[in-house]
């Protein structure tokens, strides 16, 4: 029997993977496995994206991915444009840092110091956009692989 896969189930699976990956990478800092768990997280996300493209067309799969990334994209835009939104503005960087826990091991390798803020600040702001570019690249590679 073929597994039923809806857009809400795909979105829920991505959020569950994100929460589990954040907890795993955060906990692995203590034991020194943060790079391994970060790579494992992205491997699982890539497999989930491939599964979504098997069940949906590229537009619907992209819509699910955008819904998954809407929170960090919103807060990133808020910070980049310097908009004041009261409570949201004061917590925007915290939300982005939480969302970016899975890339922190790789951010720690940056040692440039090319801006006013720390490198991690800029990496956290760019994280949602780089994630979306990675997704588009995966769609392109997946499309080439199929045909």
N, C-alpha and C. Protein backbone atom coordinates (compact mmCIF):
# COMPACT_ATOMS: atom_id res chain seq x y z
N UNK A 1 0.84 -1.17 0.00
CA UNK A 1 0.00 0.00 0.00
C UNK A 1 0.89 1.25 0.00
N UNK A 2 0.57 2.18 -0.87
CA UNK A 2 1.36 3.40 -0.98
C UNK A 2 1.09 4.33 0.20
N UNK A 3 2.18 4.90 0.72
CA UNK A 3 2.09 5.79 1.87
C UNK A 3 1.43 7.10 1.46
N UNK A 4 0.48 7.56 2.28
CA UNK A 4 -0.18 8.84 2.02
C UNK A 4 0.73 9.95 2.53
N UNK A 5 0.97 10.93 1.70
CA UNK A 5 1.91 12.00 2.03
C UNK A 5 1.27 13.32 1.62
N UNK A 6 0.85 14.12 2.60
CA UNK A 6 0.22 15.40 2.31
C UNK A 6 1.20 16.52 2.59
N UNK A 7 0.86 17.73 2.15
CA UNK A 7 1.76 18.86 2.38
C UNK A 7 1.89 19.15 3.87
N UNK A 8 0.80 18.97 4.64
CA UNK A 8 0.88 19.23 6.09
C UNK A 8 1.77 18.19 6.78
N UNK A 9 1.72 16.96 6.29
CA UNK A 9 2.59 15.94 6.87
C UNK A 9 4.05 16.24 6.54
N UNK A 10 4.33 16.68 5.33
CA UNK A 10 5.69 17.05 4.95
C UNK A 10 6.21 18.20 5.79
N UNK A 11 5.36 19.20 6.01
CA UNK A 11 5.76 20.35 6.83
C UNK A 11 5.99 19.93 8.27
N UNK A 12 5.10 19.11 8.80
CA UNK A 12 5.27 18.62 10.17
C UNK A 12 6.55 17.80 10.32
N UNK A 13 6.85 16.98 9.32
CA UNK A 13 8.08 16.19 9.36
C UNK A 13 9.31 17.09 9.35
N UNK A 14 9.29 18.15 8.54
CA UNK A 14 10.44 19.07 8.51
C UNK A 14 10.62 19.77 9.85
N UNK A 15 9.52 20.22 10.47
CA UNK A 15 9.62 20.86 11.78
C UNK A 15 10.11 19.88 12.85
N UNK A 16 9.65 18.64 12.78
CA UNK A 16 10.11 17.63 13.73
C UNK A 16 11.59 17.35 13.55
N UNK A 17 12.04 17.25 12.31
CA UNK A 17 13.46 17.05 12.03
C UNK A 17 14.26 18.24 12.55
N UNK A 18 13.74 19.45 12.36
CA UNK A 18 14.45 20.65 12.82
C UNK A 18 14.60 20.66 14.33
N UNK A 19 13.53 20.38 15.06
CA UNK A 19 13.59 20.38 16.52
C UNK A 19 14.53 19.28 17.01
N UNK A 20 14.42 18.10 16.43
CA UNK A 20 15.32 17.01 16.81
C UNK A 20 16.77 17.31 16.48
N UNK A 21 17.01 17.90 15.30
CA UNK A 21 18.37 18.26 14.91
C UNK A 21 18.96 19.34 15.79
N UNK A 22 18.15 20.31 16.17
CA UNK A 22 18.61 21.37 17.06
C UNK A 22 19.00 20.79 18.41
N UNK A 23 18.18 19.91 18.94
CA UNK A 23 18.49 19.28 20.23
C UNK A 23 19.75 18.42 20.12
N UNK A 24 19.87 17.67 19.05
CA UNK A 24 21.02 16.78 18.89
C UNK A 24 22.33 17.55 18.74
N UNK A 25 22.32 18.58 17.90
CA UNK A 25 23.54 19.37 17.71
C UNK A 25 23.88 20.12 18.99
N UNK A 26 22.87 20.69 19.64
CA UNK A 26 23.11 21.39 20.90
C UNK A 26 23.71 20.48 21.96
N UNK A 27 23.19 19.28 22.08
CA UNK A 27 23.70 18.33 23.07
C UNK A 27 25.09 17.80 22.69
N UNK A 28 25.36 17.70 21.41
CA UNK A 28 26.62 17.11 20.98
C UNK A 28 27.81 18.06 21.16
N UNK A 29 27.57 19.35 21.39
CA UNK A 29 28.67 20.27 21.66
C UNK A 29 29.47 19.80 22.88
N UNK A 30 28.79 19.24 23.83
CA UNK A 30 29.44 18.79 25.06
C UNK A 30 30.38 17.62 24.79
N UNK A 31 29.99 16.74 23.89
CA UNK A 31 30.76 15.53 23.62
C UNK A 31 31.71 15.67 22.43
N UNK A 32 31.62 16.76 21.69
CA UNK A 32 32.52 16.99 20.57
C UNK A 32 32.08 16.39 19.26
N UNK A 33 30.81 16.03 19.14
CA UNK A 33 30.30 15.44 17.91
C UNK A 33 29.45 16.43 17.11
N UNK A 34 29.65 17.72 17.33
CA UNK A 34 28.76 18.70 16.70
C UNK A 34 28.84 18.70 15.18
N UNK A 35 30.02 18.46 14.61
CA UNK A 35 30.13 18.44 13.15
C UNK A 35 29.42 17.22 12.57
N UNK A 36 29.58 16.10 13.22
CA UNK A 36 28.93 14.87 12.77
C UNK A 36 27.40 14.99 12.84
N UNK A 37 26.87 15.50 13.95
CA UNK A 37 25.41 15.62 14.07
C UNK A 37 24.87 16.69 13.13
N UNK A 38 25.65 17.72 12.87
CA UNK A 38 25.21 18.74 11.92
C UNK A 38 25.12 18.15 10.51
N UNK A 39 26.12 17.39 10.13
CA UNK A 39 26.07 16.74 8.81
C UNK A 39 24.93 15.73 8.73
N UNK A 40 24.71 15.00 9.81
CA UNK A 40 23.60 14.04 9.85
C UNK A 40 22.27 14.75 9.71
N UNK A 41 22.12 15.90 10.37
CA UNK A 41 20.89 16.69 10.26
C UNK A 41 20.64 17.08 8.80
N UNK A 42 21.66 17.63 8.14
CA UNK A 42 21.48 18.07 6.76
C UNK A 42 21.26 16.89 5.81
N UNK A 43 21.86 15.76 6.10
CA UNK A 43 21.60 14.56 5.31
C UNK A 43 20.12 14.17 5.40
N UNK A 44 19.58 14.18 6.61
CA UNK A 44 18.18 13.83 6.82
C UNK A 44 17.25 14.84 6.13
N UNK A 45 17.58 16.12 6.22
CA UNK A 45 16.78 17.15 5.55
C UNK A 45 16.81 16.96 4.04
N UNK A 46 17.98 16.66 3.50
CA UNK A 46 18.10 16.44 2.06
C UNK A 46 17.27 15.24 1.63
N UNK A 47 17.32 14.16 2.41
CA UNK A 47 16.50 12.98 2.09
C UNK A 47 15.01 13.31 2.15
N UNK A 48 14.61 14.13 3.10
CA UNK A 48 13.20 14.53 3.21
C UNK A 48 12.79 15.40 2.02
N UNK A 49 13.67 16.28 1.59
CA UNK A 49 13.38 17.11 0.42
C UNK A 49 13.23 16.25 -0.82
N UNK A 50 14.11 15.27 -0.96
CA UNK A 50 14.01 14.35 -2.10
C UNK A 50 12.69 13.59 -2.05
N UNK A 51 12.29 13.17 -0.85
CA UNK A 51 11.01 12.47 -0.70
C UNK A 51 9.85 13.38 -1.10
N UNK A 52 9.93 14.66 -0.71
CA UNK A 52 8.86 15.60 -1.07
C UNK A 52 8.77 15.77 -2.58
N UNK A 53 9.93 15.84 -3.25
CA UNK A 53 9.89 16.04 -4.71
C UNK A 53 9.38 14.80 -5.43
N UNK A 54 9.43 13.64 -4.77
CA UNK A 54 8.85 12.44 -5.36
C UNK A 54 7.32 12.44 -5.27
N UNK A 55 6.79 13.10 -4.24
CA UNK A 55 5.34 13.10 -4.02
C UNK A 55 4.64 14.33 -4.57
N UNK A 56 5.37 15.43 -4.73
CA UNK A 56 4.77 16.68 -5.19
C UNK A 56 5.56 17.23 -6.36
N UNK A 57 4.92 18.14 -7.11
CA UNK A 57 5.67 18.85 -8.13
C UNK A 57 6.59 19.86 -7.44
N UNK A 58 7.49 20.44 -8.20
CA UNK A 58 8.50 21.33 -7.62
C UNK A 58 7.88 22.56 -6.95
N UNK A 59 6.78 23.06 -7.49
CA UNK A 59 6.17 24.26 -6.92
C UNK A 59 5.56 23.98 -5.54
N UNK A 60 4.88 22.86 -5.41
CA UNK A 60 4.28 22.51 -4.13
C UNK A 60 5.36 22.19 -3.10
N UNK A 61 6.40 21.48 -3.53
CA UNK A 61 7.52 21.17 -2.63
C UNK A 61 8.23 22.46 -2.21
N UNK A 62 8.39 23.39 -3.13
CA UNK A 62 9.01 24.68 -2.79
C UNK A 62 8.13 25.46 -1.81
N UNK A 63 6.81 25.37 -1.99
CA UNK A 63 5.89 26.03 -1.06
C UNK A 63 6.00 25.47 0.34
N UNK A 64 6.13 24.16 0.45
CA UNK A 64 6.31 23.54 1.77
C UNK A 64 7.61 24.01 2.39
N UNK A 65 8.66 24.06 1.59
CA UNK A 65 9.96 24.51 2.11
C UNK A 65 9.90 25.97 2.56
N UNK A 66 9.23 26.82 1.79
CA UNK A 66 9.10 28.23 2.17
C UNK A 66 8.31 28.35 3.46
N UNK A 67 7.23 27.58 3.62
CA UNK A 67 6.48 27.60 4.88
C UNK A 67 7.34 27.17 6.05
N UNK A 68 8.23 26.21 5.81
CA UNK A 68 9.14 25.73 6.85
C UNK A 68 10.15 26.82 7.22
N UNK A 69 10.58 27.59 6.23
CA UNK A 69 11.60 28.61 6.45
C UNK A 69 11.02 30.01 6.68
N UNK A 70 9.71 30.15 6.75
CA UNK A 70 9.10 31.48 6.82
C UNK A 70 9.49 32.23 8.10
N UNK A 71 9.60 31.54 9.20
CA UNK A 71 9.96 32.20 10.46
C UNK A 71 11.35 32.82 10.39
N UNK A 72 12.39 32.07 10.04
CA UNK A 72 13.71 32.71 9.98
C UNK A 72 13.82 33.73 8.86
N UNK A 73 13.12 33.51 7.75
CA UNK A 73 13.16 34.51 6.67
C UNK A 73 12.54 35.83 7.13
N UNK A 74 11.43 35.75 7.84
CA UNK A 74 10.76 36.95 8.36
C UNK A 74 11.67 37.71 9.31
N UNK A 75 12.26 37.01 10.26
CA UNK A 75 13.12 37.67 11.24
C UNK A 75 14.41 38.18 10.62
N UNK A 76 14.90 37.49 9.63
CA UNK A 76 16.09 37.96 8.92
C UNK A 76 15.80 39.27 8.19
N UNK A 77 14.66 39.33 7.51
CA UNK A 77 14.27 40.57 6.82
C UNK A 77 14.08 41.70 7.84
N UNK A 78 13.47 41.39 8.96
CA UNK A 78 13.24 42.37 10.01
C UNK A 78 14.56 42.99 10.48
N UNK A 79 15.58 42.15 10.69
CA UNK A 79 16.87 42.64 11.15
C UNK A 79 17.66 43.34 10.06
N UNK A 80 17.63 42.80 8.85
CA UNK A 80 18.38 43.40 7.76
C UNK A 80 17.86 44.80 7.44
N UNK A 81 16.55 44.96 7.42
CA UNK A 81 15.96 46.27 7.11
C UNK A 81 15.93 47.21 8.31
N UNK A 82 16.22 46.68 9.50
CA UNK A 82 16.23 47.51 10.71
C UNK A 82 14.85 47.97 11.11
N UNK A 83 13.83 47.19 10.84
CA UNK A 83 12.47 47.56 11.18
C UNK A 83 12.22 47.37 12.68
N UNK A 84 11.46 48.25 13.25
CA UNK A 84 11.09 48.14 14.66
C UNK A 84 9.69 47.54 14.76
N UNK A 85 9.62 46.42 15.45
CA UNK A 85 8.33 45.76 15.63
C UNK A 85 8.13 45.36 17.09
N UNK A 86 8.65 46.18 17.99
CA UNK A 86 8.46 45.94 19.42
C UNK A 86 9.06 44.63 19.89
N UNK A 87 8.21 43.78 20.44
CA UNK A 87 8.64 42.50 21.00
C UNK A 87 9.34 41.62 19.96
N UNK A 88 8.85 41.65 18.73
CA UNK A 88 9.45 40.84 17.68
C UNK A 88 10.88 41.27 17.37
N UNK A 89 11.13 42.58 17.35
CA UNK A 89 12.46 43.08 17.05
C UNK A 89 13.47 42.68 18.11
N UNK A 90 13.05 42.74 19.37
CA UNK A 90 14.00 42.44 20.44
C UNK A 90 14.31 40.95 20.53
N UNK A 91 13.45 40.10 20.01
CA UNK A 91 13.68 38.66 20.07
C UNK A 91 14.08 38.06 18.73
N UNK A 92 14.21 38.86 17.71
CA UNK A 92 14.48 38.35 16.37
C UNK A 92 15.82 37.62 16.31
N UNK A 93 16.86 38.19 16.89
CA UNK A 93 18.17 37.54 16.82
C UNK A 93 18.18 36.24 17.60
N UNK A 94 17.44 36.19 18.72
CA UNK A 94 17.35 34.95 19.48
C UNK A 94 16.69 33.84 18.66
N UNK A 95 15.60 34.18 17.99
CA UNK A 95 14.90 33.18 17.17
C UNK A 95 15.82 32.69 16.05
N UNK A 96 16.54 33.61 15.42
CA UNK A 96 17.46 33.21 14.35
C UNK A 96 18.61 32.35 14.89
N UNK A 97 19.11 32.69 16.08
CA UNK A 97 20.18 31.87 16.66
C UNK A 97 19.67 30.47 16.98
N UNK A 98 18.47 30.38 17.52
CA UNK A 98 17.89 29.06 17.80
C UNK A 98 17.73 28.28 16.52
N UNK A 99 17.21 28.93 15.49
CA UNK A 99 16.97 28.26 14.22
C UNK A 99 18.28 27.81 13.58
N UNK A 100 19.37 28.53 13.85
CA UNK A 100 20.66 28.25 13.22
C UNK A 100 21.55 27.33 14.04
N UNK A 101 21.03 26.74 15.10
CA UNK A 101 21.86 25.87 15.94
C UNK A 101 22.53 24.78 15.13
N UNK A 102 21.89 24.29 14.12
CA UNK A 102 22.46 23.19 13.33
C UNK A 102 23.63 23.62 12.46
N UNK A 103 23.81 24.93 12.25
CA UNK A 103 24.98 25.38 11.48
C UNK A 103 26.05 26.01 12.36
N UNK A 104 25.83 26.10 13.66
CA UNK A 104 26.82 26.71 14.55
C UNK A 104 28.21 26.09 14.47
N UNK A 105 28.34 24.77 14.36
CA UNK A 105 29.71 24.24 14.26
C UNK A 105 30.47 24.82 13.06
N UNK A 106 29.77 25.06 11.98
CA UNK A 106 30.42 25.59 10.77
C UNK A 106 30.66 27.09 10.90
N UNK A 107 29.77 27.79 11.60
CA UNK A 107 29.96 29.23 11.83
C UNK A 107 31.22 29.46 12.66
N UNK A 108 31.49 28.56 13.60
CA UNK A 108 32.66 28.69 14.47
C UNK A 108 33.96 28.66 13.67
N UNK A 109 33.94 28.10 12.49
CA UNK A 109 35.15 28.05 11.66
C UNK A 109 35.45 29.39 10.98
N UNK A 110 34.48 30.29 10.95
CA UNK A 110 34.69 31.61 10.35
C UNK A 110 35.55 32.46 11.28
N UNK A 111 36.60 33.03 10.75
CA UNK A 111 37.48 33.87 11.55
C UNK A 111 37.87 35.15 10.80
N UNK A 112 36.92 35.75 10.11
CA UNK A 112 37.28 36.90 9.28
C UNK A 112 37.19 38.22 10.02
N UNK A 113 36.12 38.46 10.73
CA UNK A 113 35.94 39.73 11.43
C UNK A 113 35.84 40.91 10.49
N UNK A 114 35.04 40.79 9.43
CA UNK A 114 34.97 41.82 8.40
C UNK A 114 33.86 42.82 8.60
N UNK A 115 33.18 42.79 9.71
CA UNK A 115 32.08 43.73 9.89
C UNK A 115 32.02 44.28 11.30
N UNK A 116 31.00 45.05 11.53
CA UNK A 116 30.80 45.67 12.84
C UNK A 116 30.45 44.63 13.89
N UNK A 117 29.64 43.67 13.53
CA UNK A 117 29.24 42.61 14.45
C UNK A 117 30.16 41.39 14.26
N UNK A 118 29.99 40.42 15.13
CA UNK A 118 30.74 39.17 15.01
C UNK A 118 30.31 38.42 13.76
N UNK A 119 31.18 37.55 13.28
CA UNK A 119 30.87 36.76 12.08
C UNK A 119 29.60 35.94 12.26
N UNK A 120 29.39 35.45 13.46
CA UNK A 120 28.21 34.62 13.72
C UNK A 120 26.92 35.40 13.46
N UNK A 121 26.91 36.69 13.75
CA UNK A 121 25.72 37.51 13.52
C UNK A 121 25.37 37.53 12.03
N UNK A 122 26.36 37.76 11.19
CA UNK A 122 26.11 37.80 9.74
C UNK A 122 25.74 36.42 9.20
N UNK A 123 26.38 35.39 9.73
CA UNK A 123 26.07 34.03 9.30
C UNK A 123 24.64 33.65 9.67
N UNK A 124 24.20 34.07 10.85
CA UNK A 124 22.83 33.78 11.29
C UNK A 124 21.82 34.53 10.42
N UNK A 125 22.15 35.76 10.03
CA UNK A 125 21.26 36.52 9.14
C UNK A 125 21.17 35.89 7.76
N UNK A 126 22.28 35.35 7.28
CA UNK A 126 22.31 34.76 5.94
C UNK A 126 21.83 33.31 5.92
N UNK A 127 21.80 32.66 7.07
CA UNK A 127 21.45 31.24 7.14
C UNK A 127 20.16 30.85 6.43
N UNK A 128 19.04 31.54 6.69
CA UNK A 128 17.79 31.16 6.00
C UNK A 128 17.88 31.31 4.49
N UNK A 129 18.59 32.32 4.03
CA UNK A 129 18.72 32.55 2.60
C UNK A 129 19.61 31.49 1.97
N UNK A 130 20.69 31.12 2.65
CA UNK A 130 21.56 30.07 2.14
C UNK A 130 20.85 28.73 2.14
N UNK A 131 20.02 28.50 3.14
CA UNK A 131 19.23 27.28 3.20
C UNK A 131 18.28 27.20 2.01
N UNK A 132 17.66 28.31 1.68
CA UNK A 132 16.75 28.33 0.54
C UNK A 132 17.51 28.11 -0.77
N UNK A 133 18.71 28.70 -0.89
CA UNK A 133 19.52 28.46 -2.09
C UNK A 133 19.94 26.99 -2.19
N UNK A 134 20.26 26.38 -1.05
CA UNK A 134 20.58 24.96 -1.04
C UNK A 134 19.39 24.14 -1.53
N UNK A 135 18.21 24.52 -1.09
CA UNK A 135 17.00 23.82 -1.51
C UNK A 135 16.80 23.94 -3.02
N UNK A 136 16.97 25.15 -3.56
CA UNK A 136 16.81 25.33 -5.01
C UNK A 136 17.85 24.53 -5.78
N UNK A 137 19.06 24.46 -5.26
CA UNK A 137 20.10 23.66 -5.88
C UNK A 137 19.72 22.18 -5.87
N UNK A 138 19.16 21.72 -4.75
CA UNK A 138 18.72 20.32 -4.67
C UNK A 138 17.62 20.02 -5.67
N UNK A 139 16.70 20.97 -5.85
CA UNK A 139 15.65 20.77 -6.84
C UNK A 139 16.24 20.66 -8.24
N UNK A 140 17.21 21.49 -8.53
CA UNK A 140 17.85 21.46 -9.85
C UNK A 140 18.58 20.15 -10.06
N UNK A 141 19.35 19.71 -9.07
CA UNK A 141 20.08 18.45 -9.16
C UNK A 141 19.12 17.29 -9.28
N UNK A 142 18.04 17.33 -8.51
CA UNK A 142 17.04 16.28 -8.54
C UNK A 142 16.37 16.20 -9.91
N UNK A 143 16.11 17.36 -10.50
CA UNK A 143 15.47 17.40 -11.82
C UNK A 143 16.41 16.81 -12.88
N UNK A 144 17.69 17.12 -12.79
CA UNK A 144 18.67 16.58 -13.74
C UNK A 144 18.78 15.06 -13.55
N UNK A 145 18.77 14.62 -12.31
CA UNK A 145 18.92 13.19 -11.99
C UNK A 145 17.76 12.37 -12.52
N UNK A 146 16.56 12.91 -12.48
CA UNK A 146 15.38 12.18 -12.92
C UNK A 146 15.36 12.01 -14.43
N UNK A 147 15.70 13.05 -15.15
CA UNK A 147 15.56 13.02 -16.61
C UNK A 147 16.79 12.57 -17.31
